[in-house]
Structures are given as C-alpha cells and as structure tokens.
Amino acid sequence: MPRAVAVRFAVVVVALSVGQGAWAQESKSGALARQLTAALDAAKLDSIAAKDPSAADTYCAAMYFAGSPLLVVSAKYSVPQLLDTRLAKKEFRDTYIDLSSASIPETKIFIQDAGGNGFKSKREDNQSFDSYEVGGKPTSFDGDYKRQKLSEPDYQKLFIEADDRYAKILMLLLAQLKKTS
C-alpha cells in the first residue's frame, strides 16, 4: 500500500474511533438531570422554575413525575412581572405552564429528557429518545441524523450545543431548588 494511502487510511480510522467515542460519552446534562430529578423527588415537588440572570426576561422551568420524562422549558416572557410574582410565591407549576404555552415562540427551548437522566446522542435499545426544540425547530436525539436531513458532524455539533444549553438550564433550576428547600 503506498504511503499516502496508508496515511489517509490511518486518519479515517482515528476519525471514526473519535467519532464513536463522542457518541458514547456521558453528556454534560447527565449528572445534573439525575441530580434534579432526585432532588425534586426528595422535596416531593413536581416542578421548579427560575429566572435566568444572564438573559433579560428569560425564565426556565421543569416538570417531572417519577418514572416519566423530565420536561424542561426556557423562554423569554412578555410579562416578566407575572412570572416574578409566581416565582416569589413558589408557583413553579404555573410558571412551567405559562412558559410552555404563552412565551415568546422564537425564544422558546423545549426539552423532553426521556429518562430524566440527561441527553443521550442516540437511542438506547428499546428506550425512548430525547428531543430538543428551539424556536419551533425540533431535533430528535435518536441517532438517525439522516432522517432529520443532517450530516453526522452537524448532528453531533447540534447535540453538543443542545447539551451545553440544557446543562446551563439545569444548573439554574438546581440553584433555585436549593434556595427553595
């Protein structure tokens, strides 16, 4: 085999092995989601909400029942005073409902964490998959990037960005839960 061909072959093998490793890695959101669901269970709460101090008029909320997906929403809200009042009164479920139904659509992020254990980049055998919707554009983290008309690198990039964003939201919710307890 000529040297140039051997070098290209080695580069492809390394790239494929790195790509496979990235698919199998623990997500940033994994430990945080498990921590949030455990804390909600321990506090006997089904929801939590918080204001995002880094973005004006932006809030996040989660709803969770043991054994069901962790549902998370983040968005700007056109009447922030209403949500500020709800947060002060610890009306977390109402905040979740308001963000889910009446937030500013182009700013809305909606997450369905199927196992309540953080994002997984592809579906595990006989398991539901995670989904991420931003500004009305849904992405299914089921590993089938071709069906979603994405290249594998674009799918992995989107997964990493979504996981980073999800981890930041989870940290805000965990901080709020600690203040509430």
C-alpha atoms as a PDB file:
ATOM      1  CA  MET A   1       0.000   0.000   0.000  1.00  0.00           C
ATOM      2  CA  PRO A   2       1.503   3.381  -0.950  1.00  0.00           C
ATOM      3  CA  ARG A   3       2.433   5.642   1.961  1.00  0.00           C
ATOM      4  CA  ALA A   4      -0.135   8.365   1.089  1.00  0.00           C
ATOM      5  CA  VAL A   5      -2.962   5.798   1.051  1.00  0.00           C
ATOM      6  CA  ALA A   6      -1.791   4.316   4.361  1.00  0.00           C
ATOM      7  CA  VAL A   7      -1.732   7.767   5.983  1.00  0.00           C
ATOM      8  CA  ARG A   8      -5.254   8.573   4.728  1.00  0.00           C
ATOM      9  CA  PHE A   9      -6.476   5.210   5.964  1.00  0.00           C
ATOM     10  CA  ALA A  10      -4.975   5.857   9.418  1.00  0.00           C
ATOM     11  CA  VAL A  11      -6.594   9.310   9.564  1.00  0.00           C
ATOM     12  CA  VAL A  12     -10.019   7.822   8.689  1.00  0.00           C
ATOM     13  CA  VAL A  13      -9.655   5.086  11.342  1.00  0.00           C
ATOM     14  CA  VAL A  14      -8.713   7.641  14.013  1.00  0.00           C
ATOM     15  CA  ALA A  15     -11.558   9.977  12.988  1.00  0.00           C
ATOM     16  CA  LEU A  16     -14.083   7.155  13.140  1.00  0.00           C
ATOM     17  CA  SER A  17     -12.890   5.960  16.537  1.00  0.00           C
ATOM     18  CA  VAL A  18     -13.001   9.506  17.957  1.00  0.00           C
ATOM     19  CA  GLY A  19     -16.489   9.991  16.487  1.00  0.00           C
ATOM     20  CA  GLN A  20     -17.743   6.758  18.037  1.00  0.00           C
ATOM     21  CA  GLY A  21     -16.277   7.745  21.398  1.00  0.00           C
ATOM     22  CA  ALA A  22     -18.066  11.088  21.253  1.00  0.00           C
ATOM     23  CA  TRP A  23     -21.373   9.280  20.727  1.00  0.00           C
ATOM     24  CA  ALA A  24     -20.799   7.128  23.808  1.00  0.00           C
ATOM     25  CA  GLN A  25     -19.585   9.855  26.195  1.00  0.00           C
ATOM     26  CA  GLU A  26     -21.586  10.953  29.231  1.00  0.00           C
ATOM     27  CA  SER A  27     -23.338  14.196  28.414  1.00  0.00           C
ATOM     28  CA  LYS A  28     -22.846  17.370  30.464  1.00  0.00           C
ATOM     29  CA  SER A  29     -26.534  17.245  31.327  1.00  0.00           C
ATOM     30  CA  GLY A  30     -26.467  13.642  32.591  1.00  0.00           C
ATOM     31  CA  ALA A  31     -25.388  14.098  36.203  1.00  0.00           C
ATOM     32  CA  LEU A  32     -27.284  17.388  36.506  1.00  0.00           C
ATOM     33  CA  ALA A  33     -30.586  15.897  35.289  1.00  0.00           C
ATOM     34  CA  ARG A  34     -30.249  12.929  37.653  1.00  0.00           C
ATOM     35  CA  GLN A  35     -29.465  15.335  40.495  1.00  0.00           C
ATOM     36  CA  LEU A  36     -32.511  17.493  39.681  1.00  0.00           C
ATOM     37  CA  THR A  37     -34.944  14.568  39.441  1.00  0.00           C
ATOM     38  CA  ALA A  38     -33.636  13.106  42.716  1.00  0.00           C
ATOM     39  CA  ALA A  39     -33.911  16.488  44.449  1.00  0.00           C
ATOM     40  CA  LEU A  40     -37.456  17.016  43.151  1.00  0.00           C
ATOM     41  CA  ASP A  41     -38.430  13.546  44.391  1.00  0.00           C
ATOM     42  CA  ALA A  42     -36.808  14.186  47.790  1.00  0.00           C
ATOM     43  CA  ALA A  43     -38.561  17.560  48.136  1.00  0.00           C
ATOM     44  CA  LYS A  44     -41.839  15.994  46.968  1.00  0.00           C
ATOM     45  CA  LEU A  45     -42.123  18.590  44.196  1.00  0.00           C
ATOM     46  CA  ASP A  46     -43.256  18.012  40.620  1.00  0.00           C
ATOM     47  CA  SER A  47     -41.934  21.298  39.253  1.00  0.00           C
ATOM     48  CA  ILE A  48     -39.329  24.011  39.712  1.00  0.00           C
ATOM     49  CA  ALA A  49     -38.750  27.325  37.944  1.00  0.00           C
ATOM     50  CA  ALA A  50     -36.159  30.091  37.927  1.00  0.00           C
ATOM     51  CA  LYS A  51     -35.291  33.371  36.289  1.00  0.00           C
ATOM     52  CA  ASP A  52     -32.197  33.369  34.093  1.00  0.00           C
ATOM     53  CA  PRO A  53     -29.977  36.160  35.451  1.00  0.00           C
ATOM     54  CA  SER A  54     -27.877  36.186  32.274  1.00  0.00           C
ATOM     55  CA  ALA A  55     -30.757  36.971  29.885  1.00  0.00           C
ATOM     56  CA  ALA A  56     -33.378  39.692  30.332  1.00  0.00           C
ATOM     57  CA  ASP A  57     -36.959  38.493  30.831  1.00  0.00           C
ATOM     58  CA  THR A  58     -35.914  34.845  30.352  1.00  0.00           C
ATOM     59  CA  TYR A  59     -37.130  32.078  32.616  1.00  0.00           C
ATOM     60  CA  CYS A  60     -36.811  28.319  32.801  1.00  0.00           C
ATOM     61  CA  ALA A  61     -38.955  25.646  34.390  1.00  0.00           C
ATOM     62  CA  ALA A  62     -39.140  21.887  34.684  1.00  0.00           C
ATOM     63  CA  MET A  63     -41.909  19.413  35.382  1.00  0.00           C
ATOM     64  CA  TYR A  64     -41.218  15.878  36.499  1.00  0.00           C
ATOM     65  CA  PHE A  65     -43.160  12.937  37.853  1.00  0.00           C
ATOM     66  CA  ALA A  66     -41.239   9.809  38.915  1.00  0.00           C
ATOM     67  CA  GLY A  67     -40.975   7.364  36.044  1.00  0.00           C
ATOM     68  CA  SER A  68     -41.855   9.920  33.382  1.00  0.00           C
ATOM     69  CA  PRO A  69     -39.760  12.182  31.147  1.00  0.00           C
ATOM     70  CA  LEU A  70     -38.252  15.347  32.586  1.00  0.00           C
ATOM     71  CA  LEU A  71     -39.884  18.212  30.689  1.00  0.00           C
ATOM     72  CA  VAL A  72     -37.954  21.479  30.599  1.00  0.00           C
ATOM     73  CA  VAL A  73     -38.788  24.815  29.016  1.00  0.00           C
ATOM     74  CA  SER A  74     -36.860  28.059  28.765  1.00  0.00           C
ATOM     75  CA  ALA A  75     -38.025  31.238  27.074  1.00  0.00           C
ATOM     76  CA  LYS A  76     -38.462  34.979  27.224  1.00  0.00           C
ATOM     77  CA  TYR A  77     -41.793  36.049  28.640  1.00  0.00           C
ATOM     78  CA  SER A  78     -43.583  39.218  27.570  1.00  0.00           C
ATOM     79  CA  VAL A  79     -44.953  39.985  31.057  1.00  0.00           C
ATOM     80  CA  PRO A  80     -41.978  39.253  33.310  1.00  0.00           C
ATOM     81  CA  GLN A  81     -43.667  40.812  36.342  1.00  0.00           C
ATOM     82  CA  LEU A  82     -46.229  37.987  36.293  1.00  0.00           C
ATOM     83  CA  LEU A  83     -43.554  35.301  36.395  1.00  0.00           C
ATOM     84  CA  ASP A  84     -41.532  37.212  39.004  1.00  0.00           C
ATOM     85  CA  THR A  85     -44.639  37.174  41.211  1.00  0.00           C
ATOM     86  CA  ARG A  86     -45.210  33.464  40.537  1.00  0.00           C
ATOM     87  CA  LEU A  87     -41.598  32.683  41.466  1.00  0.00           C
ATOM     88  CA  ALA A  88     -41.844  34.727  44.659  1.00  0.00           C
ATOM     89  CA  LYS A  89     -44.946  32.699  45.609  1.00  0.00           C
ATOM     90  CA  LYS A  90     -43.203  29.427  44.581  1.00  0.00           C
ATOM     91  CA  GLU A  91     -45.876  28.784  41.950  1.00  0.00           C
ATOM     92  CA  PHE A  92     -43.490  26.680  39.896  1.00  0.00           C
ATOM     93  CA  ARG A  93     -46.074  24.562  38.063  1.00  0.00           C
ATOM     94  CA  ASP A  94     -47.969  27.678  36.936  1.00  0.00           C
ATOM     95  CA  THR A  95     -44.669  29.178  35.756  1.00  0.00           C
ATOM     96  CA  TYR A  96     -43.958  26.000  33.762  1.00  0.00           C
ATOM     97  CA  ILE A  97     -47.435  26.151  32.194  1.00  0.00           C
ATOM     98  CA  ASP A  98     -47.089  29.848  31.322  1.00  0.00           C
ATOM     99  CA  LEU A  99     -43.675  29.321  29.723  1.00  0.00           C
ATOM    100  CA  SER A 100     -44.907  26.287  27.797  1.00  0.00           C
ATOM    101  CA  SER A 101     -47.976  27.992  26.413  1.00  0.00           C
ATOM    102  CA  ALA A 102     -47.535  31.772  26.384  1.00  0.00           C
ATOM    103  CA  SER A 103     -43.847  32.504  25.961  1.00  0.00           C
ATOM    104  CA  ILE A 104     -42.291  34.322  23.018  1.00  0.00           C
ATOM    105  CA  PRO A 105     -42.145  31.491  20.420  1.00  0.00           C
ATOM    106  CA  GLU A 106     -38.824  32.341  18.738  1.00  0.00           C
ATOM    107  CA  THR A 107     -37.060  32.287  22.134  1.00  0.00           C
ATOM    108  CA  LYS A 108     -38.577  29.050  23.392  1.00  0.00           C
ATOM    109  CA  ILE A 109     -36.487  25.965  24.110  1.00  0.00           C
ATOM    110  CA  PHE A 110     -38.411  22.804  24.928  1.00  0.00           C
ATOM    111  CA  ILE A 111     -36.660  19.665  26.125  1.00  0.00           C
ATOM    112  CA  GLN A 112     -38.021  16.177  26.632  1.00  0.00           C
ATOM    113  CA  ASP A 113     -35.458  14.174  28.582  1.00  0.00           C
ATOM    114  CA  ALA A 114     -36.952  10.716  28.139  1.00  0.00           C
ATOM    115  CA  GLY A 115     -35.206   9.078  31.083  1.00  0.00           C
ATOM    116  CA  GLY A 116     -34.731  12.150  33.254  1.00  0.00           C
ATOM    117  CA  ASN A 117     -31.040  11.305  33.042  1.00  0.00           C
ATOM    118  CA  GLY A 118     -29.648  13.907  30.655  1.00  0.00           C
ATOM    119  CA  PHE A 119     -29.281  13.912  26.914  1.00  0.00           C
ATOM    120  CA  LYS A 120     -28.109  10.842  25.062  1.00  0.00           C
ATOM    121  CA  SER A 121     -26.944  11.355  21.485  1.00  0.00           C
ATOM    122  CA  LYS A 122     -28.702   8.238  20.265  1.00  0.00           C
ATOM    123  CA  ARG A 123     -31.492   5.962  21.333  1.00  0.00           C
ATOM    124  CA  GLU A 124     -30.610   3.038  23.538  1.00  0.00           C
ATOM    125  CA  ASP A 125     -32.224  -0.329  22.738  1.00  0.00           C
ATOM    126  CA  ASN A 126     -35.956  -0.351  23.464  1.00  0.00           C
ATOM    127  CA  GLN A 127     -35.788   3.106  25.058  1.00  0.00           C
ATOM    128  CA  SER A 128     -37.412   6.407  24.202  1.00  0.00           C
ATOM    129  CA  PHE A 129     -35.179   9.131  22.831  1.00  0.00           C
ATOM    130  CA  ASP A 130     -34.559  12.686  23.981  1.00  0.00           C
ATOM    131  CA  SER A 131     -35.786  15.649  21.993  1.00  0.00           C
ATOM    132  CA  TYR A 132     -34.837  19.286  21.791  1.00  0.00           C
ATOM    133  CA  GLU A 133     -36.846  22.045  20.189  1.00  0.00           C
ATOM    134  CA  VAL A 134     -35.610  25.588  19.777  1.00  0.00           C
ATOM    135  CA  GLY A 135     -37.682  28.325  18.143  1.00  0.00           C
ATOM    136  CA  GLY A 136     -40.151  25.708  16.890  1.00  0.00           C
ATOM    137  CA  LYS A 137     -37.487  23.566  15.182  1.00  0.00           C
ATOM    138  CA  PRO A 138     -37.420  20.053  16.693  1.00  0.00           C
ATOM    139  CA  THR A 139     -34.471  17.668  16.821  1.00  0.00           C
ATOM    140  CA  SER A 140     -34.740  14.047  17.914  1.00  0.00           C
ATOM    141  CA  PHE A 141     -31.643  12.608  19.553  1.00  0.00           C
ATOM    142  CA  ASP A 142     -32.318   9.116  18.287  1.00  0.00           C
ATOM    143  CA  GLY A 143     -29.080   8.724  16.311  1.00  0.00           C
ATOM    144  CA  ASP A 144     -30.900   8.877  12.967  1.00  0.00           C
ATOM    145  CA  TYR A 145     -29.368  12.097  11.687  1.00  0.00           C
ATOM    146  CA  LYS A 146     -30.059  11.215   8.041  1.00  0.00           C
ATOM    147  CA  ARG A 147     -33.827  11.135   8.614  1.00  0.00           C
ATOM    148  CA  GLN A 148     -33.517  14.653  10.015  1.00  0.00           C
ATOM    149  CA  LYS A 149     -31.583  15.724   6.910  1.00  0.00           C
ATOM    150  CA  LEU A 150     -28.372  16.351   8.872  1.00  0.00           C
ATOM    151  CA  SER A 151     -24.833  15.195   8.330  1.00  0.00           C
ATOM    152  CA  GLU A 152     -23.258  13.250  11.193  1.00  0.00           C
ATOM    153  CA  PRO A 153     -20.914  16.160  12.107  1.00  0.00           C
ATOM    154  CA  ASP A 154     -23.840  18.622  12.073  1.00  0.00           C
ATOM    155  CA  TYR A 155     -25.898  16.265  14.242  1.00  0.00           C
ATOM    156  CA  GLN A 156     -23.044  15.892  16.739  1.00  0.00           C
ATOM    157  CA  LYS A 157     -22.462  19.667  16.786  1.00  0.00           C
ATOM    158  CA  LEU A 158     -26.178  20.268  17.414  1.00  0.00           C
ATOM    159  CA  PHE A 159     -26.135  17.642  20.179  1.00  0.00           C
ATOM    160  CA  ILE A 160     -23.166  19.296  21.909  1.00  0.00           C
ATOM    161  CA  GLU A 161     -24.774  22.755  21.679  1.00  0.00           C
ATOM    162  CA  ALA A 162     -28.118  21.432  22.963  1.00  0.00           C
ATOM    163  CA  ASP A 163     -26.436  19.546  25.796  1.00  0.00           C
ATOM    164  CA  ASP A 164     -24.481  22.661  26.838  1.00  0.00           C
ATOM    165  CA  ARG A 165     -27.664  24.727  26.851  1.00  0.00           C
ATOM    166  CA  TYR A 166     -29.574  22.030  28.744  1.00  0.00           C
ATOM    167  CA  ALA A 167     -26.807  21.775  31.367  1.00  0.00           C
ATOM    168  CA  LYS A 168     -26.949  25.561  31.963  1.00  0.00           C
ATOM    169  CA  ILE A 169     -30.722  25.433  32.408  1.00  0.00           C
ATOM    170  CA  LEU A 170     -30.409  22.507  34.819  1.00  0.00           C
ATOM    171  CA  MET A 171     -27.852  24.428  36.899  1.00  0.00           C
ATOM    172  CA  LEU A 172     -30.280  27.371  37.205  1.00  0.00           C
ATOM    173  CA  LEU A 173     -33.082  25.041  38.274  1.00  0.00           C
ATOM    174  CA  LEU A 174     -30.875  23.239  40.804  1.00  0.00           C
ATOM    175  CA  ALA A 175     -29.791  26.568  42.300  1.00  0.00           C
ATOM    176  CA  GLN A 176     -33.452  27.604  42.623  1.00  0.00           C
ATOM    177  CA  LEU A 177     -34.334  24.280  44.230  1.00  0.00           C
ATOM    178  CA  LYS A 178     -31.587  24.739  46.808  1.00  0.00           C
ATOM    179  CA  LYS A 179     -32.963  28.211  47.660  1.00  0.00           C
ATOM    180  CA  THR A 180     -36.468  26.762  47.962  1.00  0.00           C
ATOM    181  CA  SER A 181     -35.555  23.913  50.314  1.00  0.00           C
END
